[in-house]
Amino acid sequence: MVIAEEIRARLPICGKCINCKLVIWNAEAELKTTPNLIRFKKLEQNFFYMVRCSWLKTPIFEPQFLTGCEGKQEQR
């Protein structure tokens, strides 16, 4: 999925971690925005995504600003 690659490229830590799980919706989904959902714009399309950490077993708030993570594991 191309949009997942673009989102991961903009995430400093979570996107490059084997524990990072992305959940992505397109703008047509009728979602009630919560703090876990982040808007991502790509040209003329809008998406919502959420980062879930399988190490912490929880959604990550503001993953684009994360500067450190003790559970980070590199993708193989």
N, C-alpha and C. Protein backbone atom coordinates (compact mmCIF):
# COMPACT_ATOMS: atom_id res chain seq x y z
N MET A 1 0.86 -1.18 0.00
CA MET A 1 0.00 0.00 0.00
C MET A 1 0.89 1.23 0.00
N VAL A 2 0.78 2.04 -1.02
CA VAL A 2 1.64 3.20 -1.20
C VAL A 2 1.44 4.23 -0.09
N ILE A 3 0.22 4.45 0.31
CA ILE A 3 -0.04 5.46 1.35
C ILE A 3 0.63 5.07 2.67
N ALA A 4 0.68 3.80 2.98
CA ALA A 4 1.36 3.34 4.21
C ALA A 4 2.85 3.66 4.15
N GLU A 5 3.46 3.48 2.99
CA GLU A 5 4.87 3.81 2.83
C GLU A 5 5.12 5.30 3.04
N GLU A 6 4.23 6.13 2.54
CA GLU A 6 4.40 7.58 2.71
C GLU A 6 4.23 7.99 4.16
N ILE A 7 3.26 7.39 4.84
CA ILE A 7 3.05 7.71 6.26
C ILE A 7 4.27 7.26 7.06
N ARG A 8 4.73 6.05 6.82
CA ARG A 8 5.91 5.53 7.55
C ARG A 8 7.14 6.41 7.31
N ALA A 9 7.29 6.94 6.12
CA ALA A 9 8.44 7.78 5.81
C ALA A 9 8.44 9.07 6.63
N ARG A 10 7.26 9.52 7.04
CA ARG A 10 7.17 10.77 7.82
C ARG A 10 7.19 10.54 9.32
N LEU A 11 7.14 9.29 9.76
CA LEU A 11 7.20 8.98 11.19
C LEU A 11 8.65 8.70 11.57
N PRO A 12 9.22 9.42 12.52
CA PRO A 12 10.64 9.28 12.83
C PRO A 12 11.01 7.94 13.46
N ILE A 13 10.17 7.38 14.31
CA ILE A 13 10.53 6.15 15.02
C ILE A 13 9.53 5.04 14.75
N CYS A 14 8.25 5.28 15.01
CA CYS A 14 7.24 4.22 14.87
C CYS A 14 7.21 3.62 13.48
N GLY A 15 7.33 4.42 12.47
CA GLY A 15 7.22 3.91 11.11
C GLY A 15 8.32 2.96 10.70
N LYS A 16 9.44 3.01 11.40
CA LYS A 16 10.57 2.16 11.06
C LYS A 16 10.72 1.00 12.03
N CYS A 17 9.75 0.80 12.90
CA CYS A 17 9.83 -0.23 13.94
C CYS A 17 8.98 -1.43 13.56
N ILE A 18 9.47 -2.62 13.84
CA ILE A 18 8.74 -3.85 13.54
C ILE A 18 7.45 -3.93 14.37
N ASN A 19 7.39 -3.21 15.47
CA ASN A 19 6.21 -3.22 16.33
C ASN A 19 5.12 -2.27 15.86
N CYS A 20 5.42 -1.42 14.87
CA CYS A 20 4.47 -0.41 14.40
C CYS A 20 3.41 -1.04 13.50
N LYS A 21 2.17 -0.83 13.85
CA LYS A 21 1.04 -1.28 13.04
C LYS A 21 0.23 -0.05 12.64
N LEU A 22 0.05 0.15 11.34
CA LEU A 22 -0.74 1.27 10.85
C LEU A 22 -2.15 0.80 10.51
N VAL A 23 -3.12 1.60 10.90
CA VAL A 23 -4.51 1.38 10.50
C VAL A 23 -4.91 2.63 9.75
N ILE A 24 -5.37 2.47 8.49
CA ILE A 24 -5.60 3.62 7.61
C ILE A 24 -7.02 3.58 7.05
N TRP A 25 -7.68 4.74 7.09
CA TRP A 25 -9.01 4.90 6.50
C TRP A 25 -8.93 6.01 5.47
N ASN A 26 -9.72 5.91 4.40
CA ASN A 26 -9.76 7.04 3.48
C ASN A 26 -10.79 8.05 3.99
N ALA A 27 -10.81 9.21 3.40
CA ALA A 27 -11.65 10.31 3.89
C ALA A 27 -13.14 10.03 3.75
N GLU A 28 -13.50 9.03 2.95
CA GLU A 28 -14.91 8.71 2.76
C GLU A 28 -15.51 8.00 3.98
N ALA A 29 -14.66 7.46 4.83
CA ALA A 29 -15.15 6.77 6.02
C ALA A 29 -15.78 7.79 6.97
N GLU A 30 -16.89 7.43 7.54
CA GLU A 30 -17.57 8.33 8.47
C GLU A 30 -17.10 8.02 9.89
N LEU A 31 -15.92 8.52 10.20
CA LEU A 31 -15.32 8.25 11.50
C LEU A 31 -15.51 9.44 12.43
N LYS A 32 -15.71 9.15 13.67
CA LYS A 32 -15.71 10.21 14.67
C LYS A 32 -14.25 10.39 15.07
N THR A 33 -13.72 11.58 14.82
CA THR A 33 -12.30 11.79 15.10
C THR A 33 -12.04 11.71 16.60
N THR A 34 -11.01 11.00 16.93
CA THR A 34 -10.55 10.86 18.31
C THR A 34 -9.08 11.26 18.34
N PRO A 35 -8.52 11.41 19.52
CA PRO A 35 -7.09 11.77 19.58
C PRO A 35 -6.18 10.74 18.92
N ASN A 36 -6.65 9.50 18.76
CA ASN A 36 -5.81 8.46 18.15
C ASN A 36 -5.71 8.60 16.64
N LEU A 37 -6.67 9.27 16.01
CA LEU A 37 -6.68 9.38 14.55
C LEU A 37 -5.95 10.64 14.11
N ILE A 38 -5.12 10.49 13.09
CA ILE A 38 -4.34 11.61 12.57
C ILE A 38 -4.69 11.78 11.10
N ARG A 39 -4.87 13.00 10.67
CA ARG A 39 -5.19 13.28 9.27
C ARG A 39 -3.89 13.32 8.47
N PHE A 40 -3.92 12.69 7.31
CA PHE A 40 -2.77 12.66 6.41
C PHE A 40 -3.24 13.09 5.03
N LYS A 41 -2.60 14.09 4.47
CA LYS A 41 -3.00 14.59 3.15
C LYS A 41 -1.98 14.17 2.11
N LYS A 42 -2.50 13.66 1.00
CA LYS A 42 -1.65 13.27 -0.12
C LYS A 42 -2.30 13.82 -1.38
N LEU A 43 -1.67 14.84 -1.95
CA LEU A 43 -2.20 15.51 -3.13
C LEU A 43 -3.67 15.87 -2.93
N GLU A 44 -4.57 15.23 -3.66
CA GLU A 44 -5.99 15.58 -3.56
C GLU A 44 -6.75 14.63 -2.63
N GLN A 45 -6.05 13.69 -2.02
CA GLN A 45 -6.72 12.72 -1.17
C GLN A 45 -6.41 12.98 0.30
N ASN A 46 -7.37 12.65 1.15
CA ASN A 46 -7.18 12.73 2.59
C ASN A 46 -7.37 11.34 3.18
N PHE A 47 -6.57 11.05 4.19
CA PHE A 47 -6.67 9.78 4.89
C PHE A 47 -6.63 10.05 6.38
N PHE A 48 -7.14 9.13 7.15
CA PHE A 48 -6.97 9.12 8.60
C PHE A 48 -6.16 7.87 8.93
N TYR A 49 -5.24 8.01 9.87
CA TYR A 49 -4.50 6.82 10.27
C TYR A 49 -4.29 6.82 11.78
N MET A 50 -4.01 5.64 12.29
CA MET A 50 -3.71 5.46 13.70
C MET A 50 -2.51 4.53 13.78
N VAL A 51 -1.61 4.79 14.71
CA VAL A 51 -0.46 3.93 14.94
C VAL A 51 -0.71 3.13 16.20
N ARG A 52 -0.62 1.82 16.06
CA ARG A 52 -0.77 0.94 17.22
C ARG A 52 0.55 0.22 17.44
N CYS A 53 1.02 0.24 18.68
CA CYS A 53 2.28 -0.40 19.03
C CYS A 53 2.00 -1.80 19.56
N SER A 54 2.54 -2.83 18.89
CA SER A 54 2.31 -4.19 19.37
C SER A 54 3.23 -4.54 20.54
N TRP A 55 4.21 -3.70 20.84
CA TRP A 55 5.07 -3.90 22.01
C TRP A 55 4.37 -3.37 23.26
N LEU A 56 3.82 -2.15 23.17
CA LEU A 56 3.09 -1.56 24.29
C LEU A 56 1.65 -2.04 24.37
N LYS A 57 1.13 -2.59 23.26
CA LYS A 57 -0.27 -3.04 23.16
C LYS A 57 -1.25 -1.88 23.33
N THR A 58 -0.91 -0.74 22.72
CA THR A 58 -1.75 0.44 22.85
C THR A 58 -1.54 1.36 21.65
N PRO A 59 -2.51 2.22 21.34
CA PRO A 59 -2.28 3.24 20.31
C PRO A 59 -1.25 4.25 20.78
N ILE A 60 -0.52 4.82 19.84
CA ILE A 60 0.50 5.83 20.15
C ILE A 60 -0.07 7.20 19.83
N PHE A 61 -0.06 8.08 20.80
CA PHE A 61 -0.54 9.44 20.59
C PHE A 61 0.58 10.27 19.98
N GLU A 62 0.28 11.04 18.95
CA GLU A 62 1.24 11.94 18.29
C GLU A 62 2.54 11.22 17.89
N PRO A 63 2.46 10.13 17.12
CA PRO A 63 3.68 9.39 16.76
C PRO A 63 4.65 10.21 15.93
N GLN A 64 4.16 11.25 15.27
CA GLN A 64 5.04 12.08 14.45
C GLN A 64 6.01 12.89 15.29
N PHE A 65 5.76 13.00 16.60
CA PHE A 65 6.64 13.76 17.48
C PHE A 65 7.44 12.88 18.43
N LEU A 66 7.32 11.57 18.31
CA LEU A 66 8.03 10.65 19.19
C LEU A 66 9.53 10.76 18.97
N THR A 67 10.29 10.91 20.05
CA THR A 67 11.75 11.06 19.92
C THR A 67 12.53 9.91 20.53
N GLY A 68 11.87 9.03 21.26
CA GLY A 68 12.59 7.90 21.84
C GLY A 68 11.64 6.75 22.12
N CYS A 69 12.16 5.53 22.04
CA CYS A 69 11.35 4.34 22.30
C CYS A 69 12.27 3.20 22.72
N GLU A 70 12.08 2.65 23.89
CA GLU A 70 12.93 1.56 24.37
C GLU A 70 12.62 0.23 23.69
N GLY A 71 11.46 0.11 23.08
CA GLY A 71 11.07 -1.15 22.46
C GLY A 71 11.32 -1.19 20.95
N LYS A 72 11.98 -0.18 20.41
CA LYS A 72 12.15 -0.10 18.95
C LYS A 72 12.98 -1.27 18.42
N GLN A 73 12.44 -1.92 17.40
CA GLN A 73 13.16 -2.98 16.70
C GLN A 73 13.14 -2.68 15.22
N GLU A 74 14.25 -2.81 14.57
CA GLU A 74 14.34 -2.50 13.14
C GLU A 74 13.59 -3.53 12.30
N GLN A 75 13.04 -3.08 11.18
CA GLN A 75 12.41 -3.97 10.22
C GLN A 75 13.48 -4.86 9.60
N ARG A 76 13.13 -6.09 9.29
CA ARG A 76 14.11 -7.02 8.68
C ARG A 76 13.99 -6.99 7.19
